[in-house]
Amino acid sequence: MSDIDFNAIGIIFVAFVLPMWMFLHYGSRWRASRGLAAQDEKLLTDLWDAARRMEERMDNLERALGADSQRKTS
């Protein structure tokens, strides 16, 4: 085993193998977590519905206030 230079093997490992392993490992984890979880999707849907209902309420309120102000000016 005296023919093997352990420093060269260590340098090759650190320079090539380790960065490639980290890139592939964390890249696959990032791709796996890129989507929304089921709980997050439900929360997003609930928030979307609440925003839509609030917008409808605001439209109704603006319509009622607009009709009320037209009656006062007429």
Protein backbone atom coordinates (compact mmCIF):
# COMPACT_ATOMS: atom_id res chain seq x y z
CA MET A 1 0.00 0.00 0.00
CA SER A 2 3.01 2.27 -0.01
CA ASP A 3 2.48 2.93 -3.74
CA ILE A 4 -0.83 4.71 -3.11
CA ASP A 5 -0.61 8.41 -2.36
CA PHE A 6 -3.40 9.07 0.11
CA ASN A 7 -3.01 12.85 -0.25
CA ALA A 8 -3.82 12.64 -3.96
CA ILE A 9 -6.87 10.46 -3.28
CA GLY A 10 -8.06 12.93 -0.66
CA ILE A 11 -7.60 15.88 -3.01
CA ILE A 12 -9.47 14.10 -5.81
CA PHE A 13 -12.28 13.21 -3.42
CA VAL A 14 -12.61 16.75 -2.07
CA ALA A 15 -12.25 18.40 -5.49
CA PHE A 16 -14.53 16.15 -7.56
CA VAL A 17 -16.50 13.54 -5.65
CA LEU A 18 -17.67 15.59 -2.69
CA PRO A 19 -19.04 18.58 -4.68
CA MET A 20 -20.81 16.28 -7.13
CA TRP A 21 -22.33 14.24 -4.31
CA MET A 22 -23.53 17.41 -2.54
CA PHE A 23 -24.99 18.83 -5.75
CA LEU A 24 -26.91 15.65 -6.54
CA HIS A 25 -28.03 15.06 -2.96
CA TYR A 26 -29.34 18.55 -2.24
CA GLY A 27 -30.66 18.99 -5.78
CA SER A 28 -32.87 15.94 -5.39
CA ARG A 29 -34.08 17.15 -2.00
CA TRP A 30 -34.92 20.56 -3.47
CA ARG A 31 -36.88 18.97 -6.32
CA ALA A 32 -38.78 16.76 -3.88
CA SER A 33 -39.79 19.68 -1.67
CA ARG A 34 -40.61 22.04 -4.53
CA GLY A 35 -44.32 21.21 -4.55
CA LEU A 36 -46.88 22.17 -1.95
CA ALA A 37 -47.91 19.76 0.76
CA ALA A 38 -51.57 18.75 0.97
CA GLN A 39 -52.07 20.91 4.05
CA ASP A 40 -50.52 23.92 2.27
CA GLU A 41 -52.76 23.39 -0.76
CA LYS A 42 -55.85 23.29 1.48
CA LEU A 43 -54.74 26.46 3.26
CA LEU A 44 -54.14 28.20 -0.06
CA THR A 45 -57.59 27.14 -1.32
CA ASP A 46 -59.23 28.38 1.88
CA LEU A 47 -57.44 31.72 1.61
CA TRP A 48 -58.45 32.03 -2.03
CA ASP A 49 -62.11 31.38 -1.15
CA ALA A 50 -61.98 33.87 1.71
CA ALA A 51 -60.50 36.53 -0.57
CA ARG A 52 -63.19 35.89 -3.19
CA ARG A 53 -65.98 36.20 -0.58
CA MET A 54 -64.42 39.40 0.79
CA GLU A 55 -64.28 40.85 -2.72
CA GLU A 56 -67.98 40.03 -3.22
CA ARG A 57 -68.82 41.73 0.08
CA MET A 58 -66.86 44.82 -0.91
CA ASP A 59 -68.64 44.96 -4.28
CA ASN A 60 -72.02 44.70 -2.55
CA LEU A 61 -71.07 47.38 -0.03
CA GLU A 62 -69.84 49.72 -2.79
CA ARG A 63 -73.04 49.13 -4.72
CA ALA A 64 -75.19 49.84 -1.62
CA LEU A 65 -73.23 52.96 -0.73
CA GLY A 66 -73.33 54.15 -4.33
CA ALA A 67 -77.11 53.71 -4.49
CA ASP A 68 -77.49 55.48 -1.13
CA SER A 69 -75.37 58.46 -2.22
CA GLN A 70 -77.34 58.76 -5.50
CA ARG A 71 -80.61 58.97 -3.55
CA LYS A 72 -79.23 61.72 -1.33
CA THR A 73 -78.02 63.85 -4.27
CA SER A 74 -81.23 63.47 -6.26
